[in-house]
Amino acid sequence: MTQTRNGRYWEIYVMLHGVPHWPDVQLPASAGIPTVAVRTAALRELGYAPKATHGHWDWIEFNTIGDRVDLTALVIVVPLDPRGAAQ
């Protein structure tokens, strides 16, 4: 999960190797940083869930140009459908 460059949305997405466009859900940034429940619901919309053995979210801050800091949240996910989630 990261904030879009224009700062208007939080983008929750699943990084898939070899796929040019990752599935994503955008949530309004005006509502604040999405809670774990909101992030998990967004992942479920995409056909994924946090992995049971690694269900905590890691946070990383990146300093960018000027005084802006990019905040990124990471979690390991698994497809809800054992045959794989839709891409």
PDB file of N, CA and C in Angstrom:
ATOM      1  N   MET A   1       0.837  -1.162   0.000  1.00  0.00           N
ATOM      2  CA  MET A   1       0.000   0.000   0.000  1.00  0.00           C
ATOM      3  C   MET A   1       0.886   1.230   0.000  1.00  0.00           C
ATOM      4  N   THR A   2       0.610   2.138  -0.903  1.00  0.00           N
ATOM      5  CA  THR A   2       1.299   3.422  -0.941  1.00  0.00           C
ATOM      6  C   THR A   2       0.279   4.507  -1.270  1.00  0.00           C
ATOM      7  N   GLN A   3       0.684   5.735  -1.048  1.00  0.00           N
ATOM      8  CA  GLN A   3      -0.166   6.847  -1.435  1.00  0.00           C
ATOM      9  C   GLN A   3       0.159   7.207  -2.883  1.00  0.00           C
ATOM     10  N   THR A   4      -0.862   7.549  -3.660  1.00  0.00           N
ATOM     11  CA  THR A   4      -0.630   7.930  -5.047  1.00  0.00           C
ATOM     12  C   THR A   4       0.203   9.209  -5.100  1.00  0.00           C
ATOM     13  N   ARG A   5       0.859   9.433  -6.219  1.00  0.00           N
ATOM     14  CA  ARG A   5       1.742  10.605  -6.344  1.00  0.00           C
ATOM     15  C   ARG A   5       1.025  11.923  -6.094  1.00  0.00           C
ATOM     16  N   ASN A   6      -0.250  11.993  -6.478  1.00  0.00           N
ATOM     17  CA  ASN A   6      -0.989  13.246  -6.263  1.00  0.00           C
ATOM     18  C   ASN A   6      -1.507  13.366  -4.833  1.00  0.00           C
ATOM     19  N   GLY A   7      -1.317  12.305  -4.019  1.00  0.00           N
ATOM     20  CA  GLY A   7      -1.698  12.350  -2.609  1.00  0.00           C
ATOM     21  C   GLY A   7      -3.176  12.190  -2.333  1.00  0.00           C
ATOM     22  N   ARG A   8      -3.975  11.935  -3.351  1.00  0.00           N
ATOM     23  CA  ARG A   8      -5.423  11.861  -3.164  1.00  0.00           C
ATOM     24  C   ARG A   8      -5.916  10.500  -2.699  1.00  0.00           C
ATOM     25  N   TYR A   9      -5.131   9.465  -2.943  1.00  0.00           N
ATOM     26  CA  TYR A   9      -5.586   8.109  -2.631  1.00  0.00           C
ATOM     27  C   TYR A   9      -4.491   7.280  -1.988  1.00  0.00           C
ATOM     28  N   TRP A  10      -4.929   6.284  -1.210  1.00  0.00           N
ATOM     29  CA  TRP A  10      -4.066   5.187  -0.800  1.00  0.00           C
ATOM     30  C   TRP A  10      -4.334   4.085  -1.807  1.00  0.00           C
ATOM     31  N   GLU A  11      -3.288   3.515  -2.339  1.00  0.00           N
ATOM     32  CA  GLU A  11      -3.434   2.458  -3.334  1.00  0.00           C
ATOM     33  C   GLU A  11      -2.986   1.131  -2.714  1.00  0.00           C
ATOM     34  N   ILE A  12      -3.908   0.199  -2.625  1.00  0.00           N
ATOM     35  CA  ILE A  12      -3.609  -1.131  -2.117  1.00  0.00           C
ATOM     36  C   ILE A  12      -3.521  -2.041  -3.324  1.00  0.00           C
ATOM     37  N   TYR A  13      -2.384  -2.704  -3.479  1.00  0.00           N
ATOM     38  CA  TYR A  13      -2.176  -3.515  -4.675  1.00  0.00           C
ATOM     39  C   TYR A  13      -1.428  -4.789  -4.325  1.00  0.00           C
ATOM     40  N   VAL A  14      -1.489  -5.746  -5.241  1.00  0.00           N
ATOM     41  CA  VAL A  14      -0.787  -7.010  -5.091  1.00  0.00           C
ATOM     42  C   VAL A  14       0.280  -7.067  -6.171  1.00  0.00           C
ATOM     43  N   MET A  15       1.535  -7.176  -5.741  1.00  0.00           N
ATOM     44  CA  MET A  15       2.655  -7.262  -6.684  1.00  0.00           C
ATOM     45  C   MET A  15       2.738  -8.692  -7.214  1.00  0.00           C
ATOM     46  N   LEU A  16       2.620  -8.834  -8.530  1.00  0.00           N
ATOM     47  CA  LEU A  16       2.662 -10.148  -9.163  1.00  0.00           C
ATOM     48  C   LEU A  16       3.815 -10.183 -10.157  1.00  0.00           C
ATOM     49  N   HIS A  17       4.689 -11.144  -9.995  1.00  0.00           N
ATOM     50  CA  HIS A  17       5.851 -11.287 -10.876  1.00  0.00           C
ATOM     51  C   HIS A  17       5.399 -11.557 -12.307  1.00  0.00           C
ATOM     52  N   GLY A  18       5.952 -10.811 -13.246  1.00  0.00           N
ATOM     53  CA  GLY A  18       5.679 -11.028 -14.657  1.00  0.00           C
ATOM     54  C   GLY A  18       4.358 -10.468 -15.152  1.00  0.00           C
ATOM     55  N   VAL A  19       3.652  -9.743 -14.303  1.00  0.00           N
ATOM     56  CA  VAL A  19       2.369  -9.154 -14.695  1.00  0.00           C
ATOM     57  C   VAL A  19       2.567  -7.649 -14.857  1.00  0.00           C
ATOM     58  N   PRO A  20       2.242  -7.088 -16.022  1.00  0.00           N
ATOM     59  CA  PRO A  20       2.524  -5.662 -16.256  1.00  0.00           C
ATOM     60  C   PRO A  20       1.653  -4.703 -15.440  1.00  0.00           C
ATOM     61  N   HIS A  21       0.417  -5.086 -15.125  1.00  0.00           N
ATOM     62  CA  HIS A  21      -0.449  -4.215 -14.321  1.00  0.00           C
ATOM     63  C   HIS A  21      -0.936  -4.997 -13.106  1.00  0.00           C
ATOM     64  N   TRP A  22      -0.530  -4.562 -11.927  1.00  0.00           N
ATOM     65  CA  TRP A  22      -0.920  -5.237 -10.694  1.00  0.00           C
ATOM     66  C   TRP A  22      -2.344  -4.841 -10.319  1.00  0.00           C
ATOM     67  N   PRO A  23      -3.134  -5.799  -9.834  1.00  0.00           N
ATOM     68  CA  PRO A  23      -4.487  -5.464  -9.384  1.00  0.00           C
ATOM     69  C   PRO A  23      -4.433  -4.507  -8.197  1.00  0.00           C
ATOM     70  N   ASP A  24      -5.341  -3.526  -8.186  1.00  0.00           N
ATOM     71  CA  ASP A  24      -5.296  -2.539  -7.113  1.00  0.00           C
ATOM     72  C   ASP A  24      -6.674  -2.031  -6.743  1.00  0.00           C
ATOM     73  N   VAL A  25      -6.750  -1.451  -5.561  1.00  0.00           N
ATOM     74  CA  VAL A  25      -7.930  -0.759  -5.058  1.00  0.00           C
ATOM     75  C   VAL A  25      -7.439   0.586  -4.543  1.00  0.00           C
ATOM     76  N   GLN A  26      -8.150   1.668  -4.884  1.00  0.00           N
ATOM     77  CA  GLN A  26      -7.773   2.993  -4.388  1.00  0.00           C
ATOM     78  C   GLN A  26      -8.794   3.461  -3.358  1.00  0.00           C
ATOM     79  N   LEU A  27      -8.278   3.959  -2.238  1.00  0.00           N
ATOM     80  CA  LEU A  27      -9.109   4.468  -1.152  1.00  0.00           C
ATOM     81  C   LEU A  27      -8.785   5.939  -0.934  1.00  0.00           C
ATOM     82  N   PRO A  28      -9.772   6.787  -0.665  1.00  0.00           N
ATOM     83  CA  PRO A  28      -9.519   8.219  -0.486  1.00  0.00           C
ATOM     84  C   PRO A  28      -8.553   8.497   0.673  1.00  0.00           C
ATOM     85  N   ALA A  29      -7.547   9.294   0.419  1.00  0.00           N
ATOM     86  CA  ALA A  29      -6.584   9.669   1.461  1.00  0.00           C
ATOM     87  C   ALA A  29      -7.236  10.580   2.496  1.00  0.00           C
ATOM     88  N   SER A  30      -8.312  11.260   2.107  1.00  0.00           N
ATOM     89  CA  SER A  30      -8.987  12.174   3.034  1.00  0.00           C
ATOM     90  C   SER A  30      -9.544  11.443   4.252  1.00  0.00           C
ATOM     91  N   ALA A  31      -9.724  10.120   4.149  1.00  0.00           N
ATOM     92  CA  ALA A  31     -10.237   9.325   5.274  1.00  0.00           C
ATOM     93  C   ALA A  31      -9.123   8.923   6.242  1.00  0.00           C
ATOM     94  N   GLY A  32      -7.876   9.301   5.943  1.00  0.00           N
ATOM     95  CA  GLY A  32      -6.749   8.938   6.795  1.00  0.00           C
ATOM     96  C   GLY A  32      -6.102   7.645   6.330  1.00  0.00           C
ATOM     97  N   ILE A  33      -5.096   7.191   7.073  1.00  0.00           N
ATOM     98  CA  ILE A  33      -4.408   5.950   6.722  1.00  0.00           C
ATOM     99  C   ILE A  33      -5.378   4.789   6.956  1.00  0.00           C
ATOM    100  N   PRO A  34      -5.595   3.937   5.951  1.00  0.00           N
ATOM    101  CA  PRO A  34      -6.538   2.828   6.109  1.00  0.00           C
ATOM    102  C   PRO A  34      -6.131   1.891   7.256  1.00  0.00           C
ATOM    103  N   THR A  35      -7.119   1.480   8.021  1.00  0.00           N
ATOM    104  CA  THR A  35      -6.878   0.556   9.128  1.00  0.00           C
ATOM    105  C   THR A  35      -6.550  -0.839   8.579  1.00  0.00           C
ATOM    106  N   VAL A  36      -6.088  -1.712   9.448  1.00  0.00           N
ATOM    107  CA  VAL A  36      -5.799  -3.089   9.047  1.00  0.00           C
ATOM    108  C   VAL A  36      -7.060  -3.739   8.477  1.00  0.00           C
ATOM    109  N   ALA A  37      -8.210  -3.517   9.103  1.00  0.00           N
ATOM    110  CA  ALA A  37      -9.468  -4.109   8.628  1.00  0.00           C
ATOM    111  C   ALA A  37      -9.823  -3.610   7.223  1.00  0.00           C
ATOM    112  N   VAL A  38      -9.635  -2.328   6.982  1.00  0.00           N
ATOM    113  CA  VAL A  38      -9.931  -1.753   5.661  1.00  0.00           C
ATOM    114  C   VAL A  38      -8.955  -2.299   4.623  1.00  0.00           C
ATOM    115  N   ARG A  39      -7.667  -2.387   4.978  1.00  0.00           N
ATOM    116  CA  ARG A  39      -6.664  -2.935   4.049  1.00  0.00           C
ATOM    117  C   ARG A  39      -6.965  -4.389   3.725  1.00  0.00           C
ATOM    118  N   THR A  40      -7.335  -5.161   4.745  1.00  0.00           N
ATOM    119  CA  THR A  40      -7.650  -6.574   4.538  1.00  0.00           C
ATOM    120  C   THR A  40      -8.879  -6.729   3.648  1.00  0.00           C
ATOM    121  N   ALA A  41      -9.894  -5.896   3.856  1.00  0.00           N
ATOM    122  CA  ALA A  41     -11.092  -5.937   3.007  1.00  0.00           C
ATOM    123  C   ALA A  41     -10.740  -5.606   1.559  1.00  0.00           C
ATOM    124  N   ALA A  42      -9.856  -4.634   1.362  1.00  0.00           N
ATOM    125  CA  ALA A  42      -9.431  -4.270   0.004  1.00  0.00           C
ATOM    126  C   ALA A  42      -8.690  -5.430  -0.655  1.00  0.00           C
ATOM    127  N   LEU A  43      -7.825  -6.098   0.103  1.00  0.00           N
ATOM    128  CA  LEU A  43      -7.127  -7.265  -0.439  1.00  0.00           C
ATOM    129  C   LEU A  43      -8.119  -8.359  -0.833  1.00  0.00           C
ATOM    130  N   ARG A  44      -9.147  -8.553  -0.015  1.00  0.00           N
ATOM    131  CA  ARG A  44     -10.156  -9.569  -0.321  1.00  0.00           C
ATOM    132  C   ARG A  44     -10.895  -9.218  -1.615  1.00  0.00           C
ATOM    133  N   GLU A  45     -11.142  -7.926  -1.847  1.00  0.00           N
ATOM    134  CA  GLU A  45     -11.754  -7.504  -3.114  1.00  0.00           C
ATOM    135  C   GLU A  45     -10.896  -7.936  -4.300  1.00  0.00           C
ATOM    136  N   LEU A  46      -9.594  -7.968  -4.085  1.00  0.00           N
ATOM    137  CA  LEU A  46      -8.656  -8.346  -5.139  1.00  0.00           C
ATOM    138  C   LEU A  46      -8.449  -9.858  -5.222  1.00  0.00           C
ATOM    139  N   GLY A  47      -9.039 -10.602  -4.276  1.00  0.00           N
ATOM    140  CA  GLY A  47      -8.917 -12.054  -4.287  1.00  0.00           C
ATOM    141  C   GLY A  47      -7.773 -12.591  -3.454  1.00  0.00           C
ATOM    142  N   TYR A  48      -7.300 -11.808  -2.488  1.00  0.00           N
ATOM    143  CA  TYR A  48      -6.163 -12.205  -1.650  1.00  0.00           C
ATOM    144  C   TYR A  48      -6.463 -11.948  -0.183  1.00  0.00           C
ATOM    145  N   ALA A  49      -5.668 -12.554   0.676  1.00  0.00           N
ATOM    146  CA  ALA A  49      -5.753 -12.324   2.121  1.00  0.00           C
ATOM    147  C   ALA A  49      -4.342 -12.383   2.693  1.00  0.00           C
ATOM    148  N   PRO A  50      -4.091 -11.684   3.807  1.00  0.00           N
ATOM    149  CA  PRO A  50      -2.782 -11.801   4.444  1.00  0.00           C
ATOM    150  C   PRO A  50      -2.499 -13.261   4.800  1.00  0.00           C
ATOM    151  N   LYS A  51      -1.265 -13.680   4.601  1.00  0.00           N
ATOM    152  CA  LYS A  51      -0.863 -15.045   4.930  1.00  0.00           C
ATOM    153  C   LYS A  51      -0.973 -15.239   6.440  1.00  0.00           C
ATOM    154  N   ALA A  52      -1.604 -16.326   6.859  1.00  0.00           N
ATOM    155  CA  ALA A  52      -1.877 -16.557   8.292  1.00  0.00           C
ATOM    156  C   ALA A  52      -0.605 -16.565   9.132  1.00  0.00           C
ATOM    157  N   THR A  53       0.488 -17.109   8.593  1.00  0.00           N
ATOM    158  CA  THR A  53       1.715 -17.198   9.377  1.00  0.00           C
ATOM    159  C   THR A  53       2.543 -15.915   9.319  1.00  0.00           C
ATOM    160  N   HIS A  54       2.113 -14.947   8.519  1.00  0.00           N
ATOM    161  CA  HIS A  54       2.836 -13.679   8.401  1.00  0.00           C
ATOM    162  C   HIS A  54       1.818 -12.561   8.176  1.00  0.00           C
ATOM    163  N   GLY A  55       0.869 -12.446   9.078  1.00  0.00           N
ATOM    164  CA  GLY A  55      -0.233 -11.512   8.887  1.00  0.00           C
ATOM    165  C   GLY A  55       0.010 -10.088   9.340  1.00  0.00           C
ATOM    166  N   HIS A  56       1.217  -9.778   9.816  1.00  0.00           N
ATOM    167  CA  HIS A  56       1.460  -8.397  10.259  1.00  0.00           C
ATOM    168  C   HIS A  56       1.954  -7.548   9.083  1.00  0.00           C
ATOM    169  N   TRP A  57       1.664  -6.264   9.175  1.00  0.00           N
ATOM    170  CA  TRP A  57       2.068  -5.317   8.136  1.00  0.00           C
ATOM    171  C   TRP A  57       3.388  -4.662   8.541  1.00  0.00           C
ATOM    172  N   ASP A  58       4.327  -4.602   7.611  1.00  0.00           N
ATOM    173  CA  ASP A  58       5.586  -3.883   7.819  1.00  0.00           C
ATOM    174  C   ASP A  58       5.452  -2.510   7.175  1.00  0.00           C
ATOM    175  N   TRP A  59       6.049  -1.507   7.806  1.00  0.00           N
ATOM    176  CA  TRP A  59       6.000  -0.134   7.285  1.00  0.00           C
ATOM    177  C   TRP A  59       7.406   0.317   6.918  1.00  0.00           C
ATOM    178  N   ILE A  60       7.518   0.978   5.800  1.00  0.00           N
ATOM    179  CA  ILE A  60       8.802   1.517   5.333  1.00  0.00           C
ATOM    180  C   ILE A  60       8.586   2.977   4.950  1.00  0.00           C
ATOM    181  N   GLU A  61       9.504   3.826   5.368  1.00  0.00           N
ATOM    182  CA  GLU A  61       9.462   5.234   4.971  1.00  0.00           C
ATOM    183  C   GLU A  61      10.596   5.512   4.000  1.00  0.00           C
ATOM    184  N   PHE A  62      10.280   6.240   2.940  1.00  0.00           N
ATOM    185  CA  PHE A  62      11.282   6.655   1.959  1.00  0.00           C
ATOM    186  C   PHE A  62      11.315   8.175   1.925  1.00  0.00           C
ATOM    187  N   ASN A  63      12.487   8.745   2.089  1.00  0.00           N
ATOM    188  CA  ASN A  63      12.626  10.195   1.927  1.00  0.00           C
ATOM    189  C   ASN A  63      12.673  10.504   0.439  1.00  0.00           C
ATOM    190  N   THR A  64      11.926  11.502   0.033  1.00  0.00           N
ATOM    191  CA  THR A  64      11.901  11.901  -1.363  1.00  0.00           C
ATOM    192  C   THR A  64      12.383  13.334  -1.472  1.00  0.00           C
ATOM    193  N   ILE A  65      12.247  13.907  -2.630  1.00  0.00           N
ATOM    194  CA  ILE A  65      12.688  15.288  -2.858  1.00  0.00           C
ATOM    195  C   ILE A  65      11.906  16.230  -1.943  1.00  0.00           C
ATOM    196  N   GLY A  66      12.594  17.167  -1.374  1.00  0.00           N
ATOM    197  CA  GLY A  66      11.961  18.124  -0.472  1.00  0.00           C
ATOM    198  C   GLY A  66      11.692  17.492   0.884  1.00  0.00           C
ATOM    199  N   ASP A  67      10.565  17.869   1.483  1.00  0.00           N
ATOM    200  CA  ASP A  67      10.259  17.366   2.818  1.00  0.00           C
ATOM    201  C   ASP A  67       9.233  16.242   2.805  1.00  0.00           C
ATOM    202  N   ARG A  68       8.921  15.721   1.639  1.00  0.00           N
ATOM    203  CA  ARG A  68       7.927  14.651   1.521  1.00  0.00           C
ATOM    204  C   ARG A  68       8.537  13.304   1.922  1.00  0.00           C
ATOM    205  N   VAL A  69       7.744  12.500   2.615  1.00  0.00           N
ATOM    206  CA  VAL A  69       8.140  11.134   2.988  1.00  0.00           C
ATOM    207  C   VAL A  69       7.079  10.193   2.423  1.00  0.00           C
ATOM    208  N   ASP A  70       7.508   9.202   1.668  1.00  0.00           N
ATOM    209  CA  ASP A  70       6.582   8.187   1.164  1.00  0.00           C
ATOM    210  C   ASP A  70       6.502   7.064   2.193  1.00  0.00           C
ATOM    211  N   LEU A  71       5.290   6.679   2.527  1.00  0.00           N
ATOM    212  CA  LEU A  71       5.037   5.627   3.493  1.00  0.00           C
ATOM    213  C   LEU A  71       4.477   4.430   2.738  1.00  0.00           C
ATOM    214  N   THR A  72       5.100   3.275   2.907  1.00  0.00           N
ATOM    215  CA  THR A  72       4.674   2.059   2.224  1.00  0.00           C
ATOM    216  C   THR A  72       4.418   0.969   3.263  1.00  0.00           C
ATOM    217  N   ALA A  73       3.294   0.271   3.120  1.00  0.00           N
ATOM    218  CA  ALA A  73       2.962  -0.847   3.999  1.00  0.00           C
ATOM    219  C   ALA A  73       3.030  -2.133   3.189  1.00  0.00           C
ATOM    220  N   LEU A  74       3.608  -3.173   3.776  1.00  0.00           N
ATOM    221  CA  LEU A  74       3.783  -4.452   3.093  1.00  0.00           C
ATOM    222  C   LEU A  74       3.231  -5.589   3.929  1.00  0.00           C
ATOM    223  N   VAL A  75       2.646  -6.578   3.262  1.00  0.00           N
ATOM    224  CA  VAL A  75       2.201  -7.809   3.918  1.00  0.00           C
ATOM    225  C   VAL A  75       2.287  -8.936   2.892  1.00  0.00           C
ATOM    226  N   ILE A  76       2.612 -10.131   3.348  1.00  0.00           N
ATOM    227  CA  ILE A  76       2.624 -11.295   2.458  1.00  0.00           C
ATOM    228  C   ILE A  76       1.182 -11.780   2.320  1.00  0.00           C
ATOM    229  N   VAL A  77       0.750 -12.047   1.083  1.00  0.00           N
ATOM    230  CA  VAL A  77      -0.620 -12.470   0.834  1.00  0.00           C
ATOM    231  C   VAL A  77      -0.677 -13.834   0.157  1.00  0.00           C
ATOM    232  N   VAL A  78      -1.847 -14.438   0.238  1.00  0.00           N
ATOM    233  CA  VAL A  78      -2.119 -15.696  -0.456  1.00  0.00           C
ATOM    234  C   VAL A  78      -3.449 -15.534  -1.184  1.00  0.00           C
ATOM    235  N   PRO A  79      -3.621 -16.238  -2.313  1.00  0.00           N
ATOM    236  CA  PRO A  79      -4.907 -16.172  -3.020  1.00  0.00           C
ATOM    237  C   PRO A  79      -6.019 -16.799  -2.177  1.00  0.00           C
ATOM    238  N   LEU A  80      -7.206 -16.206  -2.237  1.00  0.00           N
ATOM    239  CA  LEU A  80      -8.360 -16.780  -1.540  1.00  0.00           C
ATOM    240  C   LEU A  80      -8.820 -18.068  -2.224  1.00  0.00           C
ATOM    241  N   ASP A  81      -8.687 -18.107  -3.540  1.00  0.00           N
ATOM    242  CA  ASP A  81      -9.040 -19.282  -4.323  1.00  0.00           C
ATOM    243  C   ASP A  81      -7.765 -20.109  -4.502  1.00  0.00           C
ATOM    244  N   PRO A  82      -7.766 -21.366  -4.077  1.00  0.00           N
ATOM    245  CA  PRO A  82      -6.542 -22.169  -4.181  1.00  0.00           C
ATOM    246  C   PRO A  82      -6.017 -22.312  -5.609  1.00  0.00           C
ATOM    247  N   ARG A  83      -6.870 -22.047  -6.596  1.00  0.00           N
ATOM    248  CA  ARG A  83      -6.432 -22.126  -7.994  1.00  0.00           C
ATOM    249  C   ARG A  83      -5.734 -20.843  -8.420  1.00  0.00           C
ATOM    250  N   GLY A  84      -5.721 -19.835  -7.550  1.00  0.00           N
ATOM    251  CA  GLY A  84      -5.074 -18.559  -7.867  1.00  0.00           C
ATOM    252  C   GLY A  84      -6.103 -17.466  -8.043  1.00  0.00           C
ATOM    253  N   ALA A  85      -5.720 -16.253  -7.699  1.00  0.00           N
ATOM    254  CA  ALA A  85      -6.631 -15.105  -7.823  1.00  0.00           C
ATOM    255  C   ALA A  85      -6.624 -14.606  -9.261  1.00  0.00           C
ATOM    256  N   ALA A  86      -7.686 -13.946  -9.627  1.00  0.00           N
ATOM    257  CA  ALA A  86      -7.770 -13.361 -10.964  1.00  0.00           C
ATOM    258  C   ALA A  86      -6.739 -12.266 -11.115  1.00  0.00           C
ATOM    259  N   GLN A  87      -6.144 -12.190 -12.267  1.00  0.00           N
ATOM    260  CA  GLN A  87      -5.095 -11.189 -12.490  1.00  0.00           C
ATOM    261  C   GLN A  87      -5.581 -10.117 -13.420  1.00  0.00           C
TER     262      GLN A  87
END
